[in-house]
Every structure is written in C-alpha cells, then in structure tokens.
Amino acid sequence: MKFAAVLALATYASATPMGEFEHEFFKFLAQHNRRYATKEEYNLRYQEFEKNYKFITQYASETQTVGVNHMADWTREEYRQLLGYRQVNTNETKIFENNETNAESVDWRAKGAVTHVKNQGQCGSCWTFSTTGAIEGRHQQVKGVLTSFSEQQLVDCCNNNVGGCMYSQGCNGGSMDEGLTYTQTYDLMTEADYPYTAQDGSCTYPGAGHGAGYTNKSKSDIAANKTAFKASVATGPTSIAIEADQMAFQFYSGGILDSGCGQQLDHGVLAVGYGVENGTTYAIVKNSWGGSWGENGYIKISLDNNSCGILNQPVRPN
C-alpha cells in the first residue's frame, strides 16, 4: 500500500507521537507529492527531514539563504550520489593567466547561449551536463543556433579509454576535461536524437555524420585565479568543478554563497556569467538539478574567496 501526503500519512501521526517538525513535514510531502510504502520508511524519512530542517532554520549567513527543497528528506548518501566529478590531471597549458576583461558583468543567458536548466536525476553524471553546457555555448557562438546536446551520449560512450576517456564512468562520475576531449573526436548528438535516461547504458552513437554538425576542435584549462576565470567566462560559458557536498549548497535558495562549502572538488557545473553585488564579485552558475533547486536552477558563488573551490579547475572548449 502507498501512503499519499497528508491524508494517508495522518494514520502514522495518530499512531505515534508527533515530531517537532511533523507539520512542516506534511507540507513538504504535499508539495513534493512524496509517497512512502511503509511506516518504517516514513519514520526514516521524517528523521532525515528533521535533521535537514533544523539546519535550514538555524543557518545564519549575511549573503545567502537556504530553504526546504525536494532533497529535504534525502539521506547524505543519496545526496552524494549526485556529485560525480572526478579530477583529472592534464598537461594543458593554463590560459587567460594574465588576461583581464573590462566587462563588469556578463550573462550568457541574456545572449542566447544557455539552454534550459536540466535535471541529472539520481545519477552522478553532473560532469556530462557541465560538458554539454560549455559545448552548447560555444556552438551557439560559432553557428548562431542554440542546440541542446546529449548528456546520455557522454554517459554511455565516454569511458573505457574511448575518445580519451580513461577515468569517466557515466553515472559513477567523470571529468569535463575528458568530456571535452571526447568531443574533439566524436560529434555530439542532440538531446532529441540521444535522450537522457539518468542511468548507464550501452553506447549507441552510430558514427560520424550523425551528430549535430559541430565537433569541438580543442579545449584549454584555465589558470586558477579570479582574473583568468573572468576573462574566460567573458568569452563564453566555462565548465567548472566545485565542492557541493555541504548542506549550505544542498539547500541553497538565494543570494551569494561565500562560505560553508569547502574546496574538495566533487561536482561539475557551468559558469554562465559573473557580476558584482554589494562589493562581492560572484559567478552565475548553472546547476543540473532542475529548476526547482536554488534560484530557478542557478546559484551565485563568490569569486573573491574562491568559495567551493570554484577557481581551481575551470576548462573550456576553444
């Protein structure tokens, strides 16, 4: 038997003492249409919600807010399944080392170079969304058309040393460096022609001539400083790696994240712009957890103190 939010779950509440935040839990269940199969699962999920809700209500920051989202009843292990970035050491020359840009702010969304916010589901494929986002931006600049490219092709095909993918393993994690290396050999198909399934599959790429007509010619790693970062993003969306395993990131709801997330890189995302607010320089970052997370799927991360390690591993198609 399935127990729907509020009405069916009321039988659980009547049989056991109400938790301190059970009323908030009921609202969460209704909003997100949660269903649990057993009383034991209900109790487990409530315990996770209670821990997360306490963090949210007690969190204090002058620059950002946190709030309840669709992950509020998840365990830490479930959350960390989303974080699939694997760092790969390369011998690429660091570019934009001393380049500066005069642009005070940049937003590639306003320039038509960013596709809709996507959702990776319960698959550690963040690296593929970061890779396709950078390619989508570059393709729009070169071809003048915004095309949604296939993450699933990278999940299924960028592995086992195919196309230079030595460490990437689909839903078990990977690297944007390797994803961009793959696209130097193989033309990416469109999202419509090779749709996303949120699980590992067999590579069904049919070969040259079946992609979207754009092959990335080369890539470059970006020097790990704010000047180089801004210079890169000023010329196009840039793949970045961050640490995202902390609750300040998980429950981000607005403002500028400037602390509480560490610098042990574990998540691939996309920098689509930057700006300045109240004296803080921040990056506009596109995530791959759907539009209900963060600020309609986006987060602002401070560049001034290298929050979340945002400056450590940028890479871009040329």
C-alpha atoms as a PDB file:
ATOM      1  CA  MET A   1       0.000   0.000   0.000  1.00  0.00           C
ATOM      2  CA  LYS A   2       1.188   3.522  -0.845  1.00  0.00           C
ATOM      3  CA  PHE A   3       0.641   6.349   1.600  1.00  0.00           C
ATOM      4  CA  ALA A   4      -0.041   9.723  -0.001  1.00  0.00           C
ATOM      5  CA  ALA A   5       0.892  13.017   1.568  1.00  0.00           C
ATOM      6  CA  VAL A   6      -1.259  14.430   4.400  1.00  0.00           C
ATOM      7  CA  LEU A   7      -4.365  12.200   4.310  1.00  0.00           C
ATOM      8  CA  ALA A   8      -2.883   8.708   4.312  1.00  0.00           C
ATOM      9  CA  LEU A   9       0.095   9.800   6.390  1.00  0.00           C
ATOM     10  CA  ALA A  10      -2.189  11.084   9.107  1.00  0.00           C
ATOM     11  CA  THR A  11      -2.686   7.467  10.173  1.00  0.00           C
ATOM     12  CA  TYR A  12       1.026   7.310  11.015  1.00  0.00           C
ATOM     13  CA  ALA A  13       0.914  10.503  13.029  1.00  0.00           C
ATOM     14  CA  SER A  14      -2.095   9.358  15.022  1.00  0.00           C
ATOM     15  CA  ALA A  15      -0.318   6.119  15.976  1.00  0.00           C
ATOM     16  CA  THR A  16       2.926   7.730  17.131  1.00  0.00           C
ATOM     17  CA  PRO A  17       3.881  10.938  18.962  1.00  0.00           C
ATOM     18  CA  MET A  18       4.101  13.938  16.658  1.00  0.00           C
ATOM     19  CA  GLY A  19       7.642  15.031  15.874  1.00  0.00           C
ATOM     20  CA  GLU A  20       8.641  18.622  16.481  1.00  0.00           C
ATOM     21  CA  PHE A  21       8.577  19.426  12.762  1.00  0.00           C
ATOM     22  CA  GLU A  22       5.965  16.955  11.555  1.00  0.00           C
ATOM     23  CA  HIS A  23       3.596  19.705  10.479  1.00  0.00           C
ATOM     24  CA  GLU A  24       6.349  21.088   8.228  1.00  0.00           C
ATOM     25  CA  PHE A  25       6.989  17.551   7.033  1.00  0.00           C
ATOM     26  CA  PHE A  26       3.341  17.199   5.990  1.00  0.00           C
ATOM     27  CA  LYS A  27       3.612  20.403   3.970  1.00  0.00           C
ATOM     28  CA  PHE A  28       6.786  19.087   2.319  1.00  0.00           C
ATOM     29  CA  LEU A  29       5.094  15.793   1.463  1.00  0.00           C
ATOM     30  CA  ALA A  30       2.141  17.551  -0.117  1.00  0.00           C
ATOM     31  CA  GLN A  31       4.276  19.987  -2.095  1.00  0.00           C
ATOM     32  CA  HIS A  32       6.543  17.288  -3.496  1.00  0.00           C
ATOM     33  CA  ASN A  33       3.939  14.519  -3.766  1.00  0.00           C
ATOM     34  CA  ARG A  34       6.022  12.116  -1.690  1.00  0.00           C
ATOM     35  CA  ARG A  35       4.776   8.561  -1.151  1.00  0.00           C
ATOM     36  CA  TYR A  36       6.274   6.011   1.227  1.00  0.00           C
ATOM     37  CA  ALA A  37       5.496   2.298   1.192  1.00  0.00           C
ATOM     38  CA  THR A  38       5.829   1.545   4.895  1.00  0.00           C
ATOM     39  CA  LYS A  39       5.663   3.156   8.294  1.00  0.00           C
ATOM     40  CA  GLU A  40       9.354   2.334   8.736  1.00  0.00           C
ATOM     41  CA  GLU A  41      10.253   4.337   5.632  1.00  0.00           C
ATOM     42  CA  TYR A  42       8.052   7.188   6.786  1.00  0.00           C
ATOM     43  CA  ASN A  43       9.908   7.297  10.111  1.00  0.00           C
ATOM     44  CA  LEU A  44      13.295   7.168   8.371  1.00  0.00           C
ATOM     45  CA  ARG A  45      12.365   9.984   6.020  1.00  0.00           C
ATOM     46  CA  TYR A  46      10.991  12.086   8.830  1.00  0.00           C
ATOM     47  CA  GLN A  47      14.243  11.691  10.750  1.00  0.00           C
ATOM     48  CA  GLU A  48      16.209  12.911   7.722  1.00  0.00           C
ATOM     49  CA  PHE A  49      13.791  15.790   7.199  1.00  0.00           C
ATOM     50  CA  GLU A  50      14.075  16.795  10.855  1.00  0.00           C
ATOM     51  CA  LYS A  51      17.888  16.976  10.679  1.00  0.00           C
ATOM     52  CA  ASN A  52      17.784  18.956   7.468  1.00  0.00           C
ATOM     53  CA  TYR A  53      15.016  21.276   8.663  1.00  0.00           C
ATOM     54  CA  LYS A  54      16.929  22.088  11.830  1.00  0.00           C
ATOM     55  CA  PHE A  55      19.939  23.061   9.712  1.00  0.00           C
ATOM     56  CA  ILE A  56      17.792  25.232   7.461  1.00  0.00           C
ATOM     57  CA  THR A  57      16.089  27.083  10.303  1.00  0.00           C
ATOM     58  CA  GLN A  58      19.310  27.607  12.244  1.00  0.00           C
ATOM     59  CA  TYR A  59      21.526  28.588   9.306  1.00  0.00           C
ATOM     60  CA  ALA A  60      22.887  32.125   9.525  1.00  0.00           C
ATOM     61  CA  SER A  61      24.561  33.998   6.670  1.00  0.00           C
ATOM     62  CA  GLU A  62      24.688  37.644   5.670  1.00  0.00           C
ATOM     63  CA  THR A  63      24.930  36.833   1.954  1.00  0.00           C
ATOM     64  CA  GLN A  64      22.804  33.764   1.192  1.00  0.00           C
ATOM     65  CA  THR A  65      19.608  31.977   2.164  1.00  0.00           C
ATOM     66  CA  VAL A  66      18.743  28.291   2.429  1.00  0.00           C
ATOM     67  CA  GLY A  67      15.368  26.613   2.296  1.00  0.00           C
ATOM     68  CA  VAL A  68      13.432  23.375   2.045  1.00  0.00           C
ATOM     69  CA  ASN A  69      13.652  21.788  -1.387  1.00  0.00           C
ATOM     70  CA  HIS A  70      12.983  18.387  -2.972  1.00  0.00           C
ATOM     71  CA  MET A  71      16.064  16.916  -1.218  1.00  0.00           C
ATOM     72  CA  ALA A  72      14.876  17.663   2.316  1.00  0.00           C
ATOM     73  CA  ASP A  73      14.079  14.009   3.121  1.00  0.00           C
ATOM     74  CA  TRP A  74      17.194  12.539   1.472  1.00  0.00           C
ATOM     75  CA  THR A  75      19.991  10.779   3.309  1.00  0.00           C
ATOM     76  CA  ARG A  76      23.526  12.103   2.933  1.00  0.00           C
ATOM     77  CA  GLU A  77      24.393   9.049   0.837  1.00  0.00           C
ATOM     78  CA  GLU A  78      21.529   9.710  -1.585  1.00  0.00           C
ATOM     79  CA  TYR A  79      22.577  13.336  -1.941  1.00  0.00           C
ATOM     80  CA  ARG A  80      26.203  12.477  -2.600  1.00  0.00           C
ATOM     81  CA  GLN A  81      25.175  10.218  -5.485  1.00  0.00           C
ATOM     82  CA  LEU A  82      24.627  13.423  -7.466  1.00  0.00           C
ATOM     83  CA  LEU A  83      28.232  14.502  -7.033  1.00  0.00           C
ATOM     84  CA  GLY A  84      30.188  12.767  -9.761  1.00  0.00           C
ATOM     85  CA  TYR A  85      33.146  14.968 -10.613  1.00  0.00           C
ATOM     86  CA  ARG A  86      36.489  13.175 -10.901  1.00  0.00           C
ATOM     87  CA  GLN A  87      39.580  15.334 -11.043  1.00  0.00           C
ATOM     88  CA  VAL A  88      41.961  14.508 -13.893  1.00  0.00           C
ATOM     89  CA  ASN A  89      45.458  15.942 -14.056  1.00  0.00           C
ATOM     90  CA  THR A  90      46.286  17.238 -17.518  1.00  0.00           C
ATOM     91  CA  ASN A  91      49.300  18.809 -19.185  1.00  0.00           C
ATOM     92  CA  GLU A  92      47.232  21.514 -20.839  1.00  0.00           C
ATOM     93  CA  THR A  93      48.760  24.984 -20.840  1.00  0.00           C
ATOM     94  CA  LYS A  94      46.835  27.244 -18.497  1.00  0.00           C
ATOM     95  CA  ILE A  95      45.288  30.077 -20.490  1.00  0.00           C
ATOM     96  CA  PHE A  96      43.964  33.524 -19.578  1.00  0.00           C
ATOM     97  CA  GLU A  97      46.710  33.605 -16.912  1.00  0.00           C
ATOM     98  CA  ASN A  98      47.236  37.349 -17.210  1.00  0.00           C
ATOM     99  CA  ASN A  99      44.231  38.314 -19.310  1.00  0.00           C
ATOM    100  CA  GLU A 100      41.846  40.870 -17.911  1.00  0.00           C
ATOM    101  CA  THR A 101      38.383  41.844 -19.057  1.00  0.00           C
ATOM    102  CA  ASN A 102      36.835  45.278 -18.867  1.00  0.00           C
ATOM    103  CA  ALA A 103      33.324  43.840 -18.619  1.00  0.00           C
ATOM    104  CA  GLU A 104      31.975  44.463 -15.118  1.00  0.00           C
ATOM    105  CA  SER A 105      29.291  41.823 -15.619  1.00  0.00           C
ATOM    106  CA  VAL A 106      28.484  39.092 -18.125  1.00  0.00           C
ATOM    107  CA  ASP A 107      25.404  36.874 -18.504  1.00  0.00           C
ATOM    108  CA  TRP A 108      25.353  34.416 -21.415  1.00  0.00           C
ATOM    109  CA  ARG A 109      21.707  33.595 -20.722  1.00  0.00           C
ATOM    110  CA  ALA A 110      20.789  37.043 -21.990  1.00  0.00           C
ATOM    111  CA  LYS A 111      22.872  36.399 -25.120  1.00  0.00           C
ATOM    112  CA  GLY A 112      21.018  33.231 -26.052  1.00  0.00           C
ATOM    113  CA  ALA A 113      23.938  30.876 -25.390  1.00  0.00           C
ATOM    114  CA  VAL A 114      22.496  28.839 -22.489  1.00  0.00           C
ATOM    115  CA  THR A 115      19.893  26.088 -22.751  1.00  0.00           C
ATOM    116  CA  HIS A 116      17.156  25.420 -20.201  1.00  0.00           C
ATOM    117  CA  VAL A 117      18.091  24.055 -16.783  1.00  0.00           C
ATOM    118  CA  LYS A 118      18.273  20.262 -16.992  1.00  0.00           C
ATOM    119  CA  ASN A 119      17.974  17.553 -14.347  1.00  0.00           C
ATOM    120  CA  GLN A 120      20.515  14.748 -13.962  1.00  0.00           C
ATOM    121  CA  GLY A 121      18.257  12.687 -11.675  1.00  0.00           C
ATOM    122  CA  GLN A 122      19.786  10.104  -9.318  1.00  0.00           C
ATOM    123  CA  CYS A 123      22.866   9.642 -11.492  1.00  0.00           C
ATOM    124  CA  GLY A 124      26.372  11.029 -10.870  1.00  0.00           C
ATOM    125  CA  SER A 125      26.511  12.491 -14.365  1.00  0.00           C
ATOM    126  CA  CYS A 126      26.980  16.153 -13.403  1.00  0.00           C
ATOM    127  CA  TRP A 127      30.185  16.214 -15.464  1.00  0.00           C
ATOM    128  CA  THR A 128      28.261  15.488 -18.675  1.00  0.00           C
ATOM    129  CA  PHE A 129      25.876  18.412 -18.110  1.00  0.00           C
ATOM    130  CA  SER A 130      28.790  20.748 -17.468  1.00  0.00           C
ATOM    131  CA  THR A 131      30.456  19.498 -20.660  1.00  0.00           C
ATOM    132  CA  THR A 132      27.383  19.842 -22.864  1.00  0.00           C
ATOM    133  CA  GLY A 133      26.648  23.273 -21.408  1.00  0.00           C
ATOM    134  CA  ALA A 134      30.063  24.547 -22.448  1.00  0.00           C
ATOM    135  CA  ILE A 135      29.672  22.975 -25.915  1.00  0.00           C
ATOM    136  CA  GLU A 136      26.158  24.411 -26.276  1.00  0.00           C
ATOM    137  CA  GLY A 137      27.505  27.890 -25.577  1.00  0.00           C
ATOM    138  CA  ARG A 138      30.407  27.533 -27.997  1.00  0.00           C
ATOM    139  CA  HIS A 139      28.172  26.035 -30.693  1.00  0.00           C
ATOM    140  CA  GLN A 140      25.796  28.971 -30.390  1.00  0.00           C
ATOM    141  CA  GLN A 141      28.686  31.395 -30.778  1.00  0.00           C
ATOM    142  CA  VAL A 142      30.042  29.592 -33.862  1.00  0.00           C
ATOM    143  CA  LYS A 143      26.805  28.518 -35.568  1.00  0.00           C
ATOM    144  CA  GLY A 144      24.398  31.140 -34.280  1.00  0.00           C
ATOM    145  CA  VAL A 145      21.930  28.467 -33.145  1.00  0.00           C
ATOM    146  CA  LEU A 146      21.296  27.248 -29.600  1.00  0.00           C
ATOM    147  CA  THR A 147      21.184  23.441 -29.608  1.00  0.00           C
ATOM    148  CA  SER A 148      20.649  21.109 -26.652  1.00  0.00           C
ATOM    149  CA  PHE A 149      23.315  18.392 -26.790  1.00  0.00           C
ATOM    150  CA  SER A 150      23.170  14.841 -25.459  1.00  0.00           C
ATOM    151  CA  GLU A 151      24.477  14.105 -21.979  1.00  0.00           C
ATOM    152  CA  GLN A 152      23.476  10.472 -22.439  1.00  0.00           C
ATOM    153  CA  GLN A 153      25.969  10.054 -25.262  1.00  0.00           C
ATOM    154  CA  LEU A 154      28.732  11.034 -22.856  1.00  0.00           C
ATOM    155  CA  VAL A 155      27.313   8.800 -20.103  1.00  0.00           C
ATOM    156  CA  ASP A 156      27.241   5.779 -22.436  1.00  0.00           C
ATOM    157  CA  CYS A 157      30.222   6.397 -24.705  1.00  0.00           C
ATOM    158  CA  CYS A 158      32.884   8.429 -22.853  1.00  0.00           C
ATOM    159  CA  ASN A 159      34.530   5.558 -20.966  1.00  0.00           C
ATOM    160  CA  ASN A 160      36.960   2.644 -21.315  1.00  0.00           C
ATOM    161  CA  ASN A 161      39.512   4.956 -22.967  1.00  0.00           C
ATOM    162  CA  VAL A 162      37.188   5.719 -25.888  1.00  0.00           C
ATOM    163  CA  GLY A 163      37.891   9.228 -27.122  1.00  0.00           C
ATOM    164  CA  GLY A 164      40.455   9.747 -24.370  1.00  0.00           C
ATOM    165  CA  CYS A 165      38.014   8.927 -21.553  1.00  0.00           C
ATOM    166  CA  MET A 166      40.186   6.961 -19.133  1.00  0.00           C
ATOM    167  CA  TYR A 167      38.544   7.799 -15.803  1.00  0.00           C
ATOM    168  CA  SER A 168      34.975   8.758 -16.689  1.00  0.00           C
ATOM    169  CA  GLN A 169      32.328   6.136 -15.927  1.00  0.00           C
ATOM    170  CA  GLY A 170      28.896   7.560 -16.637  1.00  0.00           C
ATOM    171  CA  CYS A 171      26.670   7.670 -13.549  1.00  0.00           C
ATOM    172  CA  ASN A 172      29.680   6.734 -11.424  1.00  0.00           C
ATOM    173  CA  GLY A 173      31.369  10.046 -12.194  1.00  0.00           C
ATOM    174  CA  GLY A 174      33.675  11.625 -14.706  1.00  0.00           C
ATOM    175  CA  SER A 175      35.596  14.667 -15.835  1.00  0.00           C
ATOM    176  CA  MET A 176      34.734  17.655 -18.008  1.00  0.00           C
ATOM    177  CA  ASP A 177      38.313  17.578 -19.282  1.00  0.00           C
ATOM    178  CA  GLU A 178      37.673  14.091 -20.634  1.00  0.00           C
ATOM    179  CA  GLY A 179      34.206  15.008 -21.885  1.00  0.00           C
ATOM    180  CA  LEU A 180      35.674  17.862 -23.912  1.00  0.00           C
ATOM    181  CA  THR A 181      38.474  15.594 -25.154  1.00  0.00           C
ATOM    182  CA  TYR A 182      35.817  13.117 -26.351  1.00  0.00           C
ATOM    183  CA  THR A 183      34.058  15.861 -28.315  1.00  0.00           C
ATOM    184  CA  GLN A 184      37.263  16.572 -30.236  1.00  0.00           C
ATOM    185  CA  THR A 185      36.874  13.175 -31.907  1.00  0.00           C
ATOM    186  CA  TYR A 186      33.146  12.481 -31.819  1.00  0.00           C
ATOM    187  CA  ASP A 187      30.380  14.809 -32.937  1.00  0.00           C
ATOM    188  CA  LEU A 188      27.808  15.124 -30.149  1.00  0.00           C
ATOM    189  CA  MET A 189      24.253  14.193 -30.997  1.00  0.00           C
ATOM    190  CA  THR A 190      21.320  16.333 -29.962  1.00  0.00           C
ATOM    191  CA  GLU A 191      19.271  15.751 -26.829  1.00  0.00           C
ATOM    192  CA  ALA A 192      16.297  14.793 -29.017  1.00  0.00           C
ATOM    193  CA  ASP A 193      18.263  12.190 -31.004  1.00  0.00           C
ATOM    194  CA  TYR A 194      20.018  10.646 -27.987  1.00  0.00           C
ATOM    195  CA  PRO A 195      17.742  11.396 -24.993  1.00  0.00           C
ATOM    196  CA  TYR A 196      18.778  11.317 -21.367  1.00  0.00           C
ATOM    197  CA  THR A 197      17.765   8.317 -19.223  1.00  0.00           C
ATOM    198  CA  ALA A 198      19.565   9.052 -15.902  1.00  0.00           C
ATOM    199  CA  GLN A 199      21.211   5.620 -15.963  1.00  0.00           C
ATOM    200  CA  ASP A 200      24.160   3.905 -17.574  1.00  0.00           C
ATOM    201  CA  GLY A 201      23.532   2.327 -20.961  1.00  0.00           C
ATOM    202  CA  SER A 202      25.294   0.874 -23.973  1.00  0.00           C
ATOM    203  CA  CYS A 203      26.782   3.348 -26.428  1.00  0.00           C
ATOM    204  CA  THR A 204      24.507   3.699 -29.454  1.00  0.00           C
ATOM    205  CA  TYR A 205      26.347   6.515 -31.214  1.00  0.00           C
ATOM    206  CA  PRO A 206      26.039   5.498 -34.894  1.00  0.00           C
ATOM    207  CA  GLY A 207      29.239   7.174 -36.049  1.00  0.00           C
ATOM    208  CA  ALA A 208      30.470  10.245 -37.900  1.00  0.00           C
ATOM    209  CA  GLY A 209      27.844  12.321 -39.643  1.00  0.00           C
ATOM    210  CA  HIS A 210      25.056  11.549 -37.186  1.00  0.00           C
ATOM    211  CA  GLY A 211      25.705  14.317 -34.685  1.00  0.00           C
ATOM    212  CA  ALA A 212      24.579  17.921 -34.632  1.00  0.00           C
ATOM    213  CA  GLY A 213      27.249  19.044 -37.081  1.00  0.00           C
ATOM    214  CA  TYR A 214      29.660  20.555 -34.606  1.00  0.00           C
ATOM    215  CA  THR A 215      32.862  18.975 -33.313  1.00  0.00           C
ATOM    216  CA  ASN A 216      34.844  20.724 -30.602  1.00  0.00           C
ATOM    217  CA  LYS A 217      38.324  21.313 -32.033  1.00  0.00           C
ATOM    218  CA  SER A 218      40.261  21.839 -28.814  1.00  0.00           C
ATOM    219  CA  LYS A 219      39.998  22.679 -25.135  1.00  0.00           C
ATOM    220  CA  SER A 220      42.016  24.661 -22.636  1.00  0.00           C
ATOM    221  CA  ASP A 221      42.405  24.596 -18.876  1.00  0.00           C
ATOM    222  CA  ILE A 222      42.033  27.984 -17.212  1.00  0.00           C
ATOM    223  CA  ALA A 223      44.555  29.389 -14.746  1.00  0.00           C
ATOM    224  CA  ALA A 224      43.291  29.119 -11.174  1.00  0.00           C
ATOM    225  CA  ASN A 225      42.720  32.781 -10.352  1.00  0.00           C
ATOM    226  CA  LYS A 226      39.848  35.251 -10.478  1.00  0.00           C
ATOM    227  CA  THR A 227      41.317  37.319 -13.311  1.00  0.00           C
ATOM    228  CA  ALA A 228      41.683  34.297 -15.594  1.00  0.00           C
ATOM    229  CA  PHE A 229      38.256  32.985 -14.596  1.00  0.00           C
ATOM    230  CA  LYS A 230      36.511  36.225 -15.520  1.00  0.00           C
ATOM    231  CA  ALA A 231      38.463  36.505 -18.772  1.00  0.00           C
ATOM    232  CA  SER A 232      37.347  33.011 -19.762  1.00  0.00           C
ATOM    233  CA  VAL A 233      33.692  33.471 -18.828  1.00  0.00           C
ATOM    234  CA  ALA A 234      33.649  36.839 -20.614  1.00  0.00           C
ATOM    235  CA  THR A 235      34.301  34.928 -23.848  1.00  0.00           C
ATOM    236  CA  GLY A 236      31.885  32.050 -23.238  1.00  0.00           C
ATOM    237  CA  PRO A 237      30.298  29.589 -20.770  1.00  0.00           C
ATOM    238  CA  THR A 238      33.021  27.693 -18.908  1.00  0.00           C
ATOM    239  CA  SER A 239      32.946  24.272 -17.227  1.00  0.00           C
ATOM    240  CA  ILE A 240      33.918  24.390 -13.563  1.00  0.00           C
ATOM    241  CA  ALA A 241      34.273  21.997 -10.642  1.00  0.00           C
ATOM    242  CA  ILE A 242      33.232  22.818  -7.088  1.00  0.00           C
ATOM    243  CA  GLU A 243      32.705  21.165  -3.722  1.00  0.00           C
ATOM    244  CA  ALA A 244      28.959  20.713  -3.280  1.00  0.00           C
ATOM    245  CA  ASP A 245      28.632  18.053  -0.583  1.00  0.00           C
ATOM    246  CA  GLN A 246      27.842  20.501   2.224  1.00  0.00           C
ATOM    247  CA  MET A 247      24.334  21.459   3.345  1.00  0.00           C
ATOM    248  CA  ALA A 248      24.884  25.149   2.603  1.00  0.00           C
ATOM    249  CA  PHE A 249      24.994  24.160  -1.071  1.00  0.00           C
ATOM    250  CA  GLN A 250      22.362  21.418  -0.958  1.00  0.00           C
ATOM    251  CA  PHE A 251      19.693  23.756   0.431  1.00  0.00           C
ATOM    252  CA  TYR A 252      20.820  26.990  -1.235  1.00  0.00           C
ATOM    253  CA  SER A 253      17.821  29.140  -2.123  1.00  0.00           C
ATOM    254  CA  GLY A 254      19.221  32.571  -2.936  1.00  0.00           C
ATOM    255  CA  GLY A 255      21.938  35.185  -2.520  1.00  0.00           C
ATOM    256  CA  ILE A 256      25.690  34.677  -2.848  1.00  0.00           C
ATOM    257  CA  LEU A 257      27.291  31.545  -1.401  1.00  0.00           C
ATOM    258  CA  ASP A 258      30.601  32.651   0.091  1.00  0.00           C
ATOM    259  CA  SER A 259      31.347  30.090   2.822  1.00  0.00           C
ATOM    260  CA  GLY A 260      30.451  26.701   4.223  1.00  0.00           C
ATOM    261  CA  CYS A 261      31.129  24.552   1.179  1.00  0.00           C
ATOM    262  CA  GLY A 262      34.856  23.628   1.229  1.00  0.00           C
ATOM    263  CA  GLN A 263      37.256  23.106  -1.687  1.00  0.00           C
ATOM    264  CA  GLN A 264      37.356  19.326  -2.194  1.00  0.00           C
ATOM    265  CA  LEU A 265      36.022  19.246  -5.755  1.00  0.00           C
ATOM    266  CA  ASP A 266      33.193  16.778  -6.309  1.00  0.00           C
ATOM    267  CA  HIS A 267      30.596  18.378  -8.618  1.00  0.00           C
ATOM    268  CA  GLY A 268      30.663  19.612 -12.218  1.00  0.00           C
ATOM    269  CA  VAL A 269      28.647  22.720 -13.095  1.00  0.00           C
ATOM    270  CA  LEU A 270      28.721  25.574 -15.626  1.00  0.00           C
ATOM    271  CA  ALA A 271      29.720  29.214 -15.184  1.00  0.00           C
ATOM    272  CA  VAL A 272      27.490  31.279 -17.488  1.00  0.00           C
ATOM    273  CA  GLY A 273      28.383  34.745 -16.232  1.00  0.00           C
ATOM    274  CA  TYR A 274      29.538  36.890 -13.356  1.00  0.00           C
ATOM    275  CA  GLY A 275      28.674  40.138 -11.641  1.00  0.00           C
ATOM    276  CA  VAL A 276      29.164  42.321  -8.569  1.00  0.00           C
ATOM    277  CA  GLU A 277      26.713  42.768  -5.722  1.00  0.00           C
ATOM    278  CA  ASN A 278      27.370  44.822  -2.572  1.00  0.00           C
ATOM    279  CA  GLY A 279      31.079  44.730  -3.323  1.00  0.00           C
ATOM    280  CA  THR A 280      31.228  40.934  -3.802  1.00  0.00           C
ATOM    281  CA  THR A 281      32.220  39.511  -7.170  1.00  0.00           C
ATOM    282  CA  TYR A 282      30.261  36.350  -7.906  1.00  0.00           C
ATOM    283  CA  ALA A 283      29.886  33.772 -10.663  1.00  0.00           C
ATOM    284  CA  ILE A 284      26.487  32.862 -12.123  1.00  0.00           C
ATOM    285  CA  VAL A 285      26.483  29.063 -12.044  1.00  0.00           C
ATOM    286  CA  LYS A 286      24.067  26.740 -13.819  1.00  0.00           C
ATOM    287  CA  ASN A 287      23.394  23.512 -11.934  1.00  0.00           C
ATOM    288  CA  SER A 288      21.788  20.292 -13.258  1.00  0.00           C
ATOM    289  CA  TRP A 289      19.217  19.575 -10.533  1.00  0.00           C
ATOM    290  CA  GLY A 290      16.160  21.052 -12.228  1.00  0.00           C
ATOM    291  CA  GLY A 291      14.574  24.467 -11.988  1.00  0.00           C
ATOM    292  CA  SER A 292      13.118  23.983  -8.506  1.00  0.00           C
ATOM    293  CA  TRP A 293      16.568  23.974  -6.885  1.00  0.00           C
ATOM    294  CA  GLY A 294      18.324  27.243  -5.972  1.00  0.00           C
ATOM    295  CA  GLU A 295      17.396  30.344  -7.933  1.00  0.00           C
ATOM    296  CA  ASN A 296      15.468  28.641 -10.741  1.00  0.00           C
ATOM    297  CA  GLY A 297      18.276  26.117 -11.112  1.00  0.00           C
ATOM    298  CA  TYR A 298      21.139  28.590 -10.656  1.00  0.00           C
ATOM    299  CA  ILE A 299      23.429  29.665  -7.840  1.00  0.00           C
ATOM    300  CA  LYS A 300      25.689  32.667  -7.269  1.00  0.00           C
ATOM    301  CA  ILE A 301      29.102  31.731  -5.857  1.00  0.00           C
ATOM    302  CA  SER A 302      31.656  34.235  -4.571  1.00  0.00           C
ATOM    303  CA  LEU A 303      34.861  34.542  -6.577  1.00  0.00           C
ATOM    304  CA  ASP A 304      36.544  36.777  -4.026  1.00  0.00           C
ATOM    305  CA  ASN A 305      37.498  33.982  -1.649  1.00  0.00           C
ATOM    306  CA  ASN A 306      37.386  31.051  -4.098  1.00  0.00           C
ATOM    307  CA  SER A 307      34.227  29.715  -2.484  1.00  0.00           C
ATOM    308  CA  CYS A 308      33.604  25.995  -3.076  1.00  0.00           C
ATOM    309  CA  GLY A 309      36.939  25.840  -4.942  1.00  0.00           C
ATOM    310  CA  ILE A 310      35.280  27.485  -7.931  1.00  0.00           C
ATOM    311  CA  LEU A 311      38.583  28.810  -9.337  1.00  0.00           C
ATOM    312  CA  ASN A 312      40.533  25.563  -9.049  1.00  0.00           C
ATOM    313  CA  GLN A 313      39.638  23.544 -12.194  1.00  0.00           C
ATOM    314  CA  PRO A 314      37.942  25.578 -14.960  1.00  0.00           C
ATOM    315  CA  VAL A 315      38.123  24.198 -18.508  1.00  0.00           C
ATOM    316  CA  ARG A 316      36.563  25.368 -21.760  1.00  0.00           C
ATOM    317  CA  PRO A 317      36.192  24.485 -25.430  1.00  0.00           C
ATOM    318  CA  ASN A 318      38.063  26.820 -27.759  1.00  0.00           C
END
